[in-house]
Amino acid sequence: MHKFALVMGTLGSLLLLSSAFAHHGWGGYSEQIQINVTVTALKLGNPHDRLVVIDGDDQEWNLLLAPPARNRRFGFTKESVSVGDIVVVIGQKHPQRREVKVHCLNKDGENLYTYRYDSGKSSLERLHKGEDCAFD
């Protein structure tokens, strides 16, 4: 019985530890990027809302947005963007993958999305880049 409890405790600890490591940070997403893309799929759900898009060279990109509950609280829903929409993405690129932490999505000169933290502060404000959805 004691051995069983020890094994179960160890497995439980490893499971919790693996969950903690599964969540990523944004530290590696350092290259600033602005690209025009076409939305091919919406993947709205935990742990982060995502958009799958293609660029002008037909390269597929994964766009990472904030967690779904936060996006809904700040007004981003499945009606905010549609498959086929051409959008401008402003964000930070992953160093090895075609993946972007999205700061802003713009369509026809209008801001559709801004990455916000629980406090309401935008990711650009956090980077001390202002709130205008553009890199200078």
C-alpha atoms as a PDB file:
ATOM      1  CA  MET A   1       0.000   0.000   0.000  1.00  0.00           C
ATOM      2  CA  HIS A   2       2.826   2.393   0.908  1.00  0.00           C
ATOM      3  CA  LYS A   3       4.593   1.646  -2.409  1.00  0.00           C
ATOM      4  CA  PHE A   4       1.350   2.285  -4.336  1.00  0.00           C
ATOM      5  CA  ALA A   5       0.881   5.669  -2.620  1.00  0.00           C
ATOM      6  CA  LEU A   6       4.488   6.608  -3.395  1.00  0.00           C
ATOM      7  CA  VAL A   7       4.103   5.675  -7.077  1.00  0.00           C
ATOM      8  CA  MET A   8       0.790   7.539  -7.388  1.00  0.00           C
ATOM      9  CA  GLY A   9       2.226  10.604  -5.650  1.00  0.00           C
ATOM     10  CA  THR A  10       5.223  10.615  -7.975  1.00  0.00           C
ATOM     11  CA  LEU A  11       3.035  10.244 -11.075  1.00  0.00           C
ATOM     12  CA  GLY A  12       0.743  13.029  -9.880  1.00  0.00           C
ATOM     13  CA  SER A  13       3.709  15.327  -9.300  1.00  0.00           C
ATOM     14  CA  LEU A  14       5.099  14.596 -12.759  1.00  0.00           C
ATOM     15  CA  LEU A  15       1.726  15.313 -14.326  1.00  0.00           C
ATOM     16  CA  LEU A  16       1.485  18.687 -12.592  1.00  0.00           C
ATOM     17  CA  LEU A  17       5.067  19.523 -13.504  1.00  0.00           C
ATOM     18  CA  SER A  18       4.523  18.649 -17.171  1.00  0.00           C
ATOM     19  CA  SER A  19       1.444  20.913 -17.254  1.00  0.00           C
ATOM     20  CA  ALA A  20       3.473  23.779 -15.872  1.00  0.00           C
ATOM     21  CA  PHE A  21       6.142  23.329 -18.541  1.00  0.00           C
ATOM     22  CA  ALA A  22       3.576  22.922 -21.310  1.00  0.00           C
ATOM     23  CA  HIS A  23       2.574  26.576 -21.048  1.00  0.00           C
ATOM     24  CA  HIS A  24       4.986  28.703 -22.997  1.00  0.00           C
ATOM     25  CA  GLY A  25       6.331  32.181 -22.534  1.00  0.00           C
ATOM     26  CA  TRP A  26       6.665  34.782 -25.251  1.00  0.00           C
ATOM     27  CA  GLY A  27      10.411  35.375 -24.713  1.00  0.00           C
ATOM     28  CA  GLY A  28      11.494  33.652 -27.922  1.00  0.00           C
ATOM     29  CA  TYR A  29       9.040  35.617 -30.065  1.00  0.00           C
ATOM     30  CA  SER A  30      11.337  38.581 -30.595  1.00  0.00           C
ATOM     31  CA  GLU A  31      11.338  39.368 -34.330  1.00  0.00           C
ATOM     32  CA  GLN A  32       8.822  42.112 -35.079  1.00  0.00           C
ATOM     33  CA  ILE A  33       6.700  41.295 -38.100  1.00  0.00           C
ATOM     34  CA  GLN A  34       3.903  42.831 -40.130  1.00  0.00           C
ATOM     35  CA  ILE A  35       2.395  40.650 -42.871  1.00  0.00           C
ATOM     36  CA  ASN A  36      -0.700  40.521 -45.051  1.00  0.00           C
ATOM     37  CA  VAL A  37      -2.439  37.140 -44.883  1.00  0.00           C
ATOM     38  CA  THR A  38      -5.685  35.374 -45.744  1.00  0.00           C
ATOM     39  CA  VAL A  39      -7.575  33.561 -42.985  1.00  0.00           C
ATOM     40  CA  THR A  40      -8.079  29.859 -43.797  1.00  0.00           C
ATOM     41  CA  ALA A  41      -9.307  28.540 -40.415  1.00  0.00           C
ATOM     42  CA  LEU A  42     -10.430  29.753 -36.995  1.00  0.00           C
ATOM     43  CA  LYS A  43      -9.348  27.583 -34.065  1.00  0.00           C
ATOM     44  CA  LEU A  44     -11.059  29.312 -31.171  1.00  0.00           C
ATOM     45  CA  GLY A  45     -10.484  27.519 -27.878  1.00  0.00           C
ATOM     46  CA  ASN A  46      -8.066  26.790 -25.069  1.00  0.00           C
ATOM     47  CA  PRO A  47      -5.288  27.365 -24.358  1.00  0.00           C
ATOM     48  CA  HIS A  48      -5.172  30.211 -26.932  1.00  0.00           C
ATOM     49  CA  ASP A  49      -7.450  31.241 -29.754  1.00  0.00           C
ATOM     50  CA  ARG A  50      -5.630  30.681 -33.034  1.00  0.00           C
ATOM     51  CA  LEU A  51      -6.033  31.619 -36.656  1.00  0.00           C
ATOM     52  CA  VAL A  52      -4.526  29.599 -39.481  1.00  0.00           C
ATOM     53  CA  VAL A  53      -3.600  31.833 -42.407  1.00  0.00           C
ATOM     54  CA  ILE A  54      -1.642  31.823 -45.655  1.00  0.00           C
ATOM     55  CA  ASP A  55       0.655  34.559 -46.879  1.00  0.00           C
ATOM     56  CA  GLY A  56       1.240  35.781 -50.450  1.00  0.00           C
ATOM     57  CA  ASP A  57       3.653  32.873 -51.067  1.00  0.00           C
ATOM     58  CA  ASP A  58       1.002  30.318 -49.975  1.00  0.00           C
ATOM     59  CA  GLN A  59       2.969  29.621 -46.786  1.00  0.00           C
ATOM     60  CA  GLU A  60       0.784  28.595 -43.837  1.00  0.00           C
ATOM     61  CA  TRP A  61       1.155  30.537 -40.570  1.00  0.00           C
ATOM     62  CA  ASN A  62      -0.178  29.889 -37.087  1.00  0.00           C
ATOM     63  CA  LEU A  63      -1.380  33.062 -35.372  1.00  0.00           C
ATOM     64  CA  LEU A  64      -1.589  32.903 -31.573  1.00  0.00           C
ATOM     65  CA  LEU A  65      -4.097  35.145 -29.849  1.00  0.00           C
ATOM     66  CA  ALA A  66      -4.928  35.539 -26.153  1.00  0.00           C
ATOM     67  CA  PRO A  67      -6.872  32.878 -24.221  1.00  0.00           C
ATOM     68  CA  PRO A  68     -10.527  32.593 -25.306  1.00  0.00           C
ATOM     69  CA  ALA A  69     -12.170  33.891 -22.113  1.00  0.00           C
ATOM     70  CA  ARG A  70     -10.042  37.034 -22.224  1.00  0.00           C
ATOM     71  CA  ASN A  71     -10.719  37.580 -25.921  1.00  0.00           C
ATOM     72  CA  ARG A  72     -14.471  37.288 -25.390  1.00  0.00           C
ATOM     73  CA  ARG A  73     -14.306  39.712 -22.460  1.00  0.00           C
ATOM     74  CA  PHE A  74     -12.615  42.284 -24.680  1.00  0.00           C
ATOM     75  CA  GLY A  75     -14.995  41.715 -27.620  1.00  0.00           C
ATOM     76  CA  PHE A  76     -13.202  39.277 -29.957  1.00  0.00           C
ATOM     77  CA  THR A  77     -15.613  36.501 -31.025  1.00  0.00           C
ATOM     78  CA  LYS A  78     -16.078  34.075 -33.928  1.00  0.00           C
ATOM     79  CA  GLU A  79     -17.932  36.891 -35.716  1.00  0.00           C
ATOM     80  CA  SER A  80     -14.909  39.218 -35.528  1.00  0.00           C
ATOM     81  CA  VAL A  81     -13.056  37.568 -38.404  1.00  0.00           C
ATOM     82  CA  SER A  82     -14.058  35.056 -41.093  1.00  0.00           C
ATOM     83  CA  VAL A  83     -12.392  32.504 -43.323  1.00  0.00           C
ATOM     84  CA  GLY A  84     -11.397  34.335 -46.489  1.00  0.00           C
ATOM     85  CA  ASP A  85     -10.749  37.670 -44.771  1.00  0.00           C
ATOM     86  CA  ILE A  86      -7.515  39.384 -45.780  1.00  0.00           C
ATOM     87  CA  VAL A  87      -5.920  40.882 -42.688  1.00  0.00           C
ATOM     88  CA  VAL A  88      -2.734  42.655 -41.678  1.00  0.00           C
ATOM     89  CA  VAL A  89      -0.996  40.950 -38.763  1.00  0.00           C
ATOM     90  CA  ILE A  90       1.240  42.917 -36.438  1.00  0.00           C
ATOM     91  CA  GLY A  91       3.133  40.775 -33.975  1.00  0.00           C
ATOM     92  CA  GLN A  92       6.269  38.939 -33.025  1.00  0.00           C
ATOM     93  CA  LYS A  93       7.500  35.878 -34.912  1.00  0.00           C
ATOM     94  CA  HIS A  94       8.667  32.613 -33.415  1.00  0.00           C
ATOM     95  CA  PRO A  95      12.383  32.093 -34.179  1.00  0.00           C
ATOM     96  CA  GLN A  96      11.967  28.722 -35.942  1.00  0.00           C
ATOM     97  CA  ARG A  97       8.334  28.324 -36.988  1.00  0.00           C
ATOM     98  CA  ARG A  98       5.854  30.299 -39.066  1.00  0.00           C
ATOM     99  CA  GLU A  99       4.061  31.283 -35.878  1.00  0.00           C
ATOM    100  CA  VAL A 100       3.225  34.754 -34.592  1.00  0.00           C
ATOM    101  CA  LYS A 101       2.157  36.118 -31.228  1.00  0.00           C
ATOM    102  CA  VAL A 102      -0.399  38.571 -32.571  1.00  0.00           C
ATOM    103  CA  HIS A 103      -0.486  42.088 -31.141  1.00  0.00           C
ATOM    104  CA  CYS A 104      -3.075  43.399 -33.612  1.00  0.00           C
ATOM    105  CA  LEU A 105      -5.187  42.316 -36.562  1.00  0.00           C
ATOM    106  CA  ASN A 106      -6.345  44.956 -39.023  1.00  0.00           C
ATOM    107  CA  LYS A 107      -8.790  44.643 -41.914  1.00  0.00           C
ATOM    108  CA  ASP A 108      -9.480  47.435 -44.391  1.00  0.00           C
ATOM    109  CA  GLY A 109      -7.750  49.937 -42.090  1.00  0.00           C
ATOM    110  CA  GLU A 110      -9.862  48.935 -39.067  1.00  0.00           C
ATOM    111  CA  ASN A 111      -8.486  47.216 -35.979  1.00  0.00           C
ATOM    112  CA  LEU A 112     -10.250  43.844 -35.495  1.00  0.00           C
ATOM    113  CA  TYR A 113      -8.192  42.560 -32.575  1.00  0.00           C
ATOM    114  CA  THR A 114      -5.717  43.713 -29.949  1.00  0.00           C
ATOM    115  CA  TYR A 115      -3.933  41.266 -27.629  1.00  0.00           C
ATOM    116  CA  ARG A 116      -4.894  42.254 -24.091  1.00  0.00           C
ATOM    117  CA  TYR A 117      -3.804  41.015 -20.692  1.00  0.00           C
ATOM    118  CA  ASP A 118      -6.253  40.500 -17.817  1.00  0.00           C
ATOM    119  CA  SER A 119      -5.642  44.081 -16.685  1.00  0.00           C
ATOM    120  CA  GLY A 120      -6.822  45.377 -20.076  1.00  0.00           C
ATOM    121  CA  LYS A 121      -3.329  46.572 -20.969  1.00  0.00           C
ATOM    122  CA  SER A 122      -2.374  45.712 -24.551  1.00  0.00           C
ATOM    123  CA  SER A 123       0.715  43.708 -25.416  1.00  0.00           C
ATOM    124  CA  LEU A 124       2.064  46.738 -27.297  1.00  0.00           C
ATOM    125  CA  GLU A 125       1.644  48.919 -24.203  1.00  0.00           C
ATOM    126  CA  ARG A 126       3.505  46.273 -22.228  1.00  0.00           C
ATOM    127  CA  LEU A 127       6.351  46.517 -24.771  1.00  0.00           C
ATOM    128  CA  HIS A 128       6.255  50.332 -24.371  1.00  0.00           C
ATOM    129  CA  LYS A 129       5.234  50.730 -28.017  1.00  0.00           C
ATOM    130  CA  GLY A 130       1.999  52.619 -27.390  1.00  0.00           C
ATOM    131  CA  GLU A 131      -1.489  51.546 -28.348  1.00  0.00           C
ATOM    132  CA  ASP A 132      -1.545  52.385 -32.075  1.00  0.00           C
ATOM    133  CA  CYS A 133      -1.112  48.821 -33.406  1.00  0.00           C
ATOM    134  CA  ALA A 134       2.054  49.556 -35.363  1.00  0.00           C
ATOM    135  CA  PHE A 135       5.770  49.101 -34.889  1.00  0.00           C
ATOM    136  CA  ASP A 136       7.877  52.216 -35.291  1.00  0.00           C
END
